[in-house]
PDB file of N, CA and C in Angstrom:
ATOM      1  N   UNK A   1     -16.736   1.722  -8.138  1.00  0.00           N
ATOM      2  CA  UNK A   1     -15.576   1.128  -7.504  1.00  0.00           C
ATOM      3  C   UNK A   1     -15.670  -0.387  -7.643  1.00  0.00           C
ATOM      4  N   UNK A   2     -14.597  -1.043  -8.113  1.00  0.00           N
ATOM      5  CA  UNK A   2     -14.623  -2.493  -8.214  1.00  0.00           C
ATOM      6  C   UNK A   2     -14.662  -3.118  -6.826  1.00  0.00           C
ATOM      7  N   UNK A   3     -15.274  -4.295  -6.736  1.00  0.00           N
ATOM      8  CA  UNK A   3     -15.389  -4.976  -5.459  1.00  0.00           C
ATOM      9  C   UNK A   3     -14.009  -5.329  -4.901  1.00  0.00           C
ATOM     10  N   UNK A   4     -13.091  -5.758  -5.760  1.00  0.00           N
ATOM     11  CA  UNK A   4     -11.744  -6.115  -5.332  1.00  0.00           C
ATOM     12  C   UNK A   4     -10.746  -5.299  -6.154  1.00  0.00           C
ATOM     13  N   UNK A   5     -10.074  -4.298  -5.534  1.00  0.00           N
ATOM     14  CA  UNK A   5      -9.141  -3.458  -6.289  1.00  0.00           C
ATOM     15  C   UNK A   5      -7.767  -4.091  -6.480  1.00  0.00           C
ATOM     16  N   UNK A   6      -7.657  -5.379  -6.234  1.00  0.00           N
ATOM     17  CA  UNK A   6      -6.375  -6.062  -6.323  1.00  0.00           C
ATOM     18  C   UNK A   6      -6.400  -7.002  -7.520  1.00  0.00           C
ATOM     19  N   UNK A   7      -5.382  -6.887  -8.356  1.00  0.00           N
ATOM     20  CA  UNK A   7      -5.258  -7.746  -9.523  1.00  0.00           C
ATOM     21  C   UNK A   7      -4.136  -8.754  -9.289  1.00  0.00           C
ATOM     22  N   UNK A   8      -4.211  -9.877  -9.955  1.00  0.00           N
ATOM     23  CA  UNK A   8      -3.160 -10.885  -9.853  1.00  0.00           C
ATOM     24  C   UNK A   8      -1.829 -10.257 -10.244  1.00  0.00           C
ATOM     25  N   UNK A   9      -0.806 -10.481  -9.427  1.00  0.00           N
ATOM     26  CA  UNK A   9       0.521  -9.942  -9.699  1.00  0.00           C
ATOM     27  C   UNK A   9       0.784  -8.578  -9.093  1.00  0.00           C
ATOM     28  N   UNK A  10      -0.236  -7.934  -8.505  1.00  0.00           N
ATOM     29  CA  UNK A  10      -0.046  -6.628  -7.868  1.00  0.00           C
ATOM     30  C   UNK A  10       0.878  -6.736  -6.661  1.00  0.00           C
ATOM     31  N   UNK A  11       1.612  -5.676  -6.395  1.00  0.00           N
ATOM     32  CA  UNK A  11       2.367  -5.571  -5.166  1.00  0.00           C
ATOM     33  C   UNK A  11       1.359  -5.517  -4.015  1.00  0.00           C
ATOM     34  N   UNK A  12       1.512  -6.404  -3.045  1.00  0.00           N
ATOM     35  CA  UNK A  12       0.517  -6.497  -1.970  1.00  0.00           C
ATOM     36  C   UNK A  12       0.434  -5.242  -1.116  1.00  0.00           C
ATOM     37  N   UNK A  13       1.551  -4.609  -0.854  1.00  0.00           N
ATOM     38  CA  UNK A  13       1.528  -3.411  -0.022  1.00  0.00           C
ATOM     39  C   UNK A  13       0.890  -2.239  -0.759  1.00  0.00           C
ATOM     40  N   UNK A  14       1.228  -2.079  -2.032  1.00  0.00           N
ATOM     41  CA  UNK A  14       0.605  -1.024  -2.838  1.00  0.00           C
ATOM     42  C   UNK A  14      -0.892  -1.275  -2.985  1.00  0.00           C
ATOM     43  N   UNK A  15      -1.279  -2.539  -3.131  1.00  0.00           N
ATOM     44  CA  UNK A  15      -2.698  -2.885  -3.254  1.00  0.00           C
ATOM     45  C   UNK A  15      -3.450  -2.577  -1.961  1.00  0.00           C
ATOM     46  N   UNK A  16      -2.801  -2.769  -0.814  1.00  0.00           N
ATOM     47  CA  UNK A  16      -3.445  -2.451   0.464  1.00  0.00           C
ATOM     48  C   UNK A  16      -3.685  -0.949   0.594  1.00  0.00           C
ATOM     49  N   UNK A  17      -2.713  -0.152   0.161  1.00  0.00           N
ATOM     50  CA  UNK A  17      -2.875   1.308   0.188  1.00  0.00           C
ATOM     51  C   UNK A  17      -4.001   1.718  -0.754  1.00  0.00           C
ATOM     52  N   UNK A  18      -4.016   1.145  -1.952  1.00  0.00           N
ATOM     53  CA  UNK A  18      -5.062   1.475  -2.927  1.00  0.00           C
ATOM     54  C   UNK A  18      -6.450   1.081  -2.405  1.00  0.00           C
ATOM     55  N   UNK A  19      -6.563  -0.076  -1.767  1.00  0.00           N
ATOM     56  CA  UNK A  19      -7.851  -0.520  -1.224  1.00  0.00           C
ATOM     57  C   UNK A  19      -8.324   0.418  -0.115  1.00  0.00           C
ATOM     58  N   UNK A  20      -7.399   0.862   0.752  1.00  0.00           N
ATOM     59  CA  UNK A  20      -7.768   1.795   1.815  1.00  0.00           C
ATOM     60  C   UNK A  20      -8.204   3.135   1.231  1.00  0.00           C
ATOM     61  N   UNK A  21      -7.523   3.585   0.183  1.00  0.00           N
ATOM     62  CA  UNK A  21      -7.900   4.825  -0.497  1.00  0.00           C
ATOM     63  C   UNK A  21      -9.298   4.688  -1.101  1.00  0.00           C
ATOM     64  N   UNK A  22      -9.532   3.588  -1.790  1.00  0.00           N
ATOM     65  CA  UNK A  22     -10.832   3.376  -2.435  1.00  0.00           C
ATOM     66  C   UNK A  22     -11.959   3.242  -1.415  1.00  0.00           C
ATOM     67  N   UNK A  23     -11.623   2.782  -0.213  1.00  0.00           N
ATOM     68  CA  UNK A  23     -12.614   2.665   0.851  1.00  0.00           C
ATOM     69  C   UNK A  23     -12.830   3.954   1.622  1.00  0.00           C
ATOM     70  N   UNK A  24     -12.098   5.008   1.265  1.00  0.00           N
ATOM     71  CA  UNK A  24     -12.275   6.304   1.901  1.00  0.00           C
ATOM     72  C   UNK A  24     -11.471   6.492   3.178  1.00  0.00           C
ATOM     73  N   UNK A  25     -10.601   5.554   3.498  1.00  0.00           N
ATOM     74  CA  UNK A  25      -9.803   5.645   4.715  1.00  0.00           C
ATOM     75  C   UNK A  25      -8.618   6.590   4.535  1.00  0.00           C
ATOM     76  N   UNK A  26      -8.044   6.631   3.333  1.00  0.00           N
ATOM     77  CA  UNK A  26      -6.885   7.473   3.046  1.00  0.00           C
ATOM     78  C   UNK A  26      -7.228   8.537   2.016  1.00  0.00           C
ATOM     79  N   UNK A  27      -6.568   9.658   2.115  1.00  0.00           N
ATOM     80  CA  UNK A  27      -6.728  10.765   1.163  1.00  0.00           C
ATOM     81  C   UNK A  27      -5.412  10.992   0.424  1.00  0.00           C
ATOM     82  N   UNK A  28      -5.477  11.588  -0.766  1.00  0.00           N
ATOM     83  CA  UNK A  28      -4.278  11.927  -1.529  1.00  0.00           C
ATOM     84  C   UNK A  28      -3.390  12.828  -0.682  1.00  0.00           C
ATOM     85  N   UNK A  29      -2.104  12.520  -0.645  1.00  0.00           N
ATOM     86  CA  UNK A  29      -1.140  13.298   0.114  1.00  0.00           C
ATOM     87  C   UNK A  29      -0.836  12.732   1.491  1.00  0.00           C
ATOM     88  N   UNK A  30      -1.651  11.771   1.949  1.00  0.00           N
ATOM     89  CA  UNK A  30      -1.416  11.178   3.269  1.00  0.00           C
ATOM     90  C   UNK A  30      -0.108  10.394   3.273  1.00  0.00           C
ATOM     91  N   UNK A  31       0.586  10.448   4.393  1.00  0.00           N
ATOM     92  CA  UNK A  31       1.802   9.670   4.588  1.00  0.00           C
ATOM     93  C   UNK A  31       1.405   8.408   5.344  1.00  0.00           C
ATOM     94  N   UNK A  32       1.800   7.251   4.826  1.00  0.00           N
ATOM     95  CA  UNK A  32       1.324   5.973   5.355  1.00  0.00           C
ATOM     96  C   UNK A  32       2.497   5.041   5.634  1.00  0.00           C
ATOM     97  N   UNK A  33       2.432   4.332   6.751  1.00  0.00           N
ATOM     98  CA  UNK A  33       3.379   3.260   7.049  1.00  0.00           C
ATOM     99  C   UNK A  33       2.627   1.955   6.826  1.00  0.00           C
ATOM    100  N   UNK A  34       3.160   1.127   5.935  1.00  0.00           N
ATOM    101  CA  UNK A  34       2.505  -0.133   5.576  1.00  0.00           C
ATOM    102  C   UNK A  34       3.369  -1.281   6.090  1.00  0.00           C
ATOM    103  N   UNK A  35       2.760  -2.212   6.802  1.00  0.00           N
ATOM    104  CA  UNK A  35       3.468  -3.367   7.348  1.00  0.00           C
ATOM    105  C   UNK A  35       2.891  -4.648   6.767  1.00  0.00           C
ATOM    106  N   UNK A  36       3.757  -5.601   6.486  1.00  0.00           N
ATOM    107  CA  UNK A  36       3.281  -6.902   6.002  1.00  0.00           C
ATOM    108  C   UNK A  36       4.309  -7.965   6.342  1.00  0.00           C
ATOM    109  N   UNK A  37       3.828  -9.121   6.698  1.00  0.00           N
ATOM    110  CA  UNK A  37       4.712 -10.264   6.859  1.00  0.00           C
ATOM    111  C   UNK A  37       4.906 -10.856   5.471  1.00  0.00           C
ATOM    112  N   UNK A  38       6.036 -10.611   4.866  1.00  0.00           N
ATOM    113  CA  UNK A  38       6.279 -11.047   3.488  1.00  0.00           C
ATOM    114  C   UNK A  38       7.292 -12.184   3.516  1.00  0.00           C
ATOM    115  N   UNK A  39       6.992 -13.315   2.865  1.00  0.00           N
ATOM    116  CA  UNK A  39       7.866 -14.484   2.942  1.00  0.00           C
ATOM    117  C   UNK A  39       9.246 -14.297   2.320  1.00  0.00           C
ATOM    118  N   UNK A  40       9.398 -13.361   1.387  1.00  0.00           N
ATOM    119  CA  UNK A  40      10.691 -13.165   0.740  1.00  0.00           C
ATOM    120  C   UNK A  40      11.343 -11.871   1.213  1.00  0.00           C
ATOM    121  N   UNK A  41      10.635 -10.744   1.048  1.00  0.00           N
ATOM    122  CA  UNK A  41      11.207  -9.446   1.403  1.00  0.00           C
ATOM    123  C   UNK A  41      11.479  -9.326   2.893  1.00  0.00           C
ATOM    124  N   UNK A  42      10.589  -9.879   3.718  1.00  0.00           N
ATOM    125  CA  UNK A  42      10.709  -9.706   5.156  1.00  0.00           C
ATOM    126  C   UNK A  42      11.575 -10.735   5.842  1.00  0.00           C
ATOM    127  N   UNK A  43      11.770 -11.887   5.239  1.00  0.00           N
ATOM    128  CA  UNK A  43      12.539 -12.941   5.887  1.00  0.00           C
ATOM    129  C   UNK A  43      11.735 -13.583   7.000  1.00  0.00           C
ATOM    130  N   UNK A  44      12.330 -14.520   7.677  1.00  0.00           N
ATOM    131  CA  UNK A  44      11.626 -15.239   8.736  1.00  0.00           C
ATOM    132  C   UNK A  44      11.353 -14.342   9.936  1.00  0.00           C
ATOM    133  N   UNK A  45      10.092 -14.185  10.253  1.00  0.00           N
ATOM    134  CA  UNK A  45       9.686 -13.472  11.448  1.00  0.00           C
ATOM    135  C   UNK A  45       9.811 -11.959  11.411  1.00  0.00           C
ATOM    136  N   UNK A  46      10.264 -11.378  10.330  1.00  0.00           N
ATOM    137  CA  UNK A  46      10.418  -9.929  10.258  1.00  0.00           C
ATOM    138  C   UNK A  46       9.426  -9.355   9.254  1.00  0.00           C
ATOM    139  N   UNK A  47       8.706  -8.309   9.638  1.00  0.00           N
ATOM    140  CA  UNK A  47       7.771  -7.727   8.686  1.00  0.00           C
ATOM    141  C   UNK A  47       8.485  -6.852   7.657  1.00  0.00           C
ATOM    142  N   UNK A  48       7.833  -6.700   6.520  1.00  0.00           N
ATOM    143  CA  UNK A  48       8.263  -5.711   5.538  1.00  0.00           C
ATOM    144  C   UNK A  48       7.630  -4.391   5.957  1.00  0.00           C
ATOM    145  N   UNK A  49       8.411  -3.338   6.009  1.00  0.00           N
ATOM    146  CA  UNK A  49       7.914  -2.017   6.396  1.00  0.00           C
ATOM    147  C   UNK A  49       8.194  -1.065   5.240  1.00  0.00           C
ATOM    148  N   UNK A  50       7.153  -0.350   4.820  1.00  0.00           N
ATOM    149  CA  UNK A  50       7.307   0.596   3.719  1.00  0.00           C
ATOM    150  C   UNK A  50       6.590   1.889   4.102  1.00  0.00           C
ATOM    151  N   UNK A  51       7.223   3.022   3.845  1.00  0.00           N
ATOM    152  CA  UNK A  51       6.602   4.332   4.062  1.00  0.00           C
ATOM    153  C   UNK A  51       6.307   4.911   2.689  1.00  0.00           C
ATOM    154  N   UNK A  52       5.046   5.272   2.453  1.00  0.00           N
ATOM    155  CA  UNK A  52       4.637   5.813   1.155  1.00  0.00           C
ATOM    156  C   UNK A  52       3.748   7.035   1.351  1.00  0.00           C
ATOM    157  N   UNK A  53       3.673   7.831   0.309  1.00  0.00           N
ATOM    158  CA  UNK A  53       2.699   8.923   0.264  1.00  0.00           C
ATOM    159  C   UNK A  53       1.625   8.488  -0.723  1.00  0.00           C
ATOM    160  N   UNK A  54       0.356   8.753  -0.388  1.00  0.00           N
ATOM    161  CA  UNK A  54      -0.758   8.365  -1.250  1.00  0.00           C
ATOM    162  C   UNK A  54      -0.868   9.355  -2.396  1.00  0.00           C
ATOM    163  N   UNK A  55      -0.815   8.837  -3.624  1.00  0.00           N
ATOM    164  CA  UNK A  55      -0.917   9.675  -4.813  1.00  0.00           C
ATOM    165  C   UNK A  55      -2.296   9.576  -5.444  1.00  0.00           C
ATOM    166  N   UNK A  56      -2.433  10.167  -6.613  1.00  0.00           N
ATOM    167  CA  UNK A  56      -3.706  10.140  -7.334  1.00  0.00           C
ATOM    168  C   UNK A  56      -4.201   8.715  -7.525  1.00  0.00           C
ATOM    169  N   UNK A  57      -5.475   8.498  -7.291  1.00  0.00           N
ATOM    170  CA  UNK A  57      -6.076   7.185  -7.467  1.00  0.00           C
ATOM    171  C   UNK A  57      -5.638   6.162  -6.443  1.00  0.00           C
ATOM    172  N   UNK A  58      -4.975   6.610  -5.368  1.00  0.00           N
ATOM    173  CA  UNK A  58      -4.518   5.698  -4.334  1.00  0.00           C
ATOM    174  C   UNK A  58      -3.174   5.058  -4.617  1.00  0.00           C
ATOM    175  N   UNK A  59      -2.473   5.577  -5.628  1.00  0.00           N
ATOM    176  CA  UNK A  59      -1.168   5.041  -5.992  1.00  0.00           C
ATOM    177  C   UNK A  59      -0.149   5.317  -4.885  1.00  0.00           C
ATOM    178  N   UNK A  60       0.704   4.334  -4.584  1.00  0.00           N
ATOM    179  CA  UNK A  60       1.775   4.495  -3.600  1.00  0.00           C
ATOM    180  C   UNK A  60       2.942   5.232  -4.254  1.00  0.00           C
ATOM    181  N   UNK A  61       3.374   6.341  -3.635  1.00  0.00           N
ATOM    182  CA  UNK A  61       4.461   7.158  -4.172  1.00  0.00           C
ATOM    183  C   UNK A  61       5.576   7.284  -3.149  1.00  0.00           C
ATOM    184  N   UNK A  62       6.734   7.775  -3.604  1.00  0.00           N
ATOM    185  CA  UNK A  62       7.840   8.037  -2.693  1.00  0.00           C
ATOM    186  C   UNK A  62       7.401   9.087  -1.682  1.00  0.00           C
ATOM    187  N   UNK A  63       7.798   8.927  -0.417  1.00  0.00           N
ATOM    188  CA  UNK A  63       7.327   9.846   0.619  1.00  0.00           C
ATOM    189  C   UNK A  63       8.006  11.212   0.628  1.00  0.00           C
ATOM    190  N   UNK A  64       9.084  11.404  -0.151  1.00  0.00           N
ATOM    191  CA  UNK A  64       9.782  12.694  -0.128  1.00  0.00           C
ATOM    192  C   UNK A  64       8.983  13.784  -0.832  1.00  0.00           C
ATOM    193  N   UNK A  65       9.239  15.007  -0.445  1.00  0.00           N
ATOM    194  CA  UNK A  65       8.616  16.151  -1.090  1.00  0.00           C
ATOM    195  C   UNK A  65       7.347  16.472  -0.519  1.00  0.00           C
TER     196      UNK A  65
END
């Protein structure tokens, strides 16, 4: 496992899910709510909220199905 699973240009929320997966906190198929204070997507004072399902290798997938 690489020490830092985040690469330059990665989506920060997807990278957080991948890091949690790599750390053993999340399993494939888990439904996750990810929150982040994002300067563009979230606007002033509002967090970005994303619901994802954890896919193979910790990839963030659409939560449906």
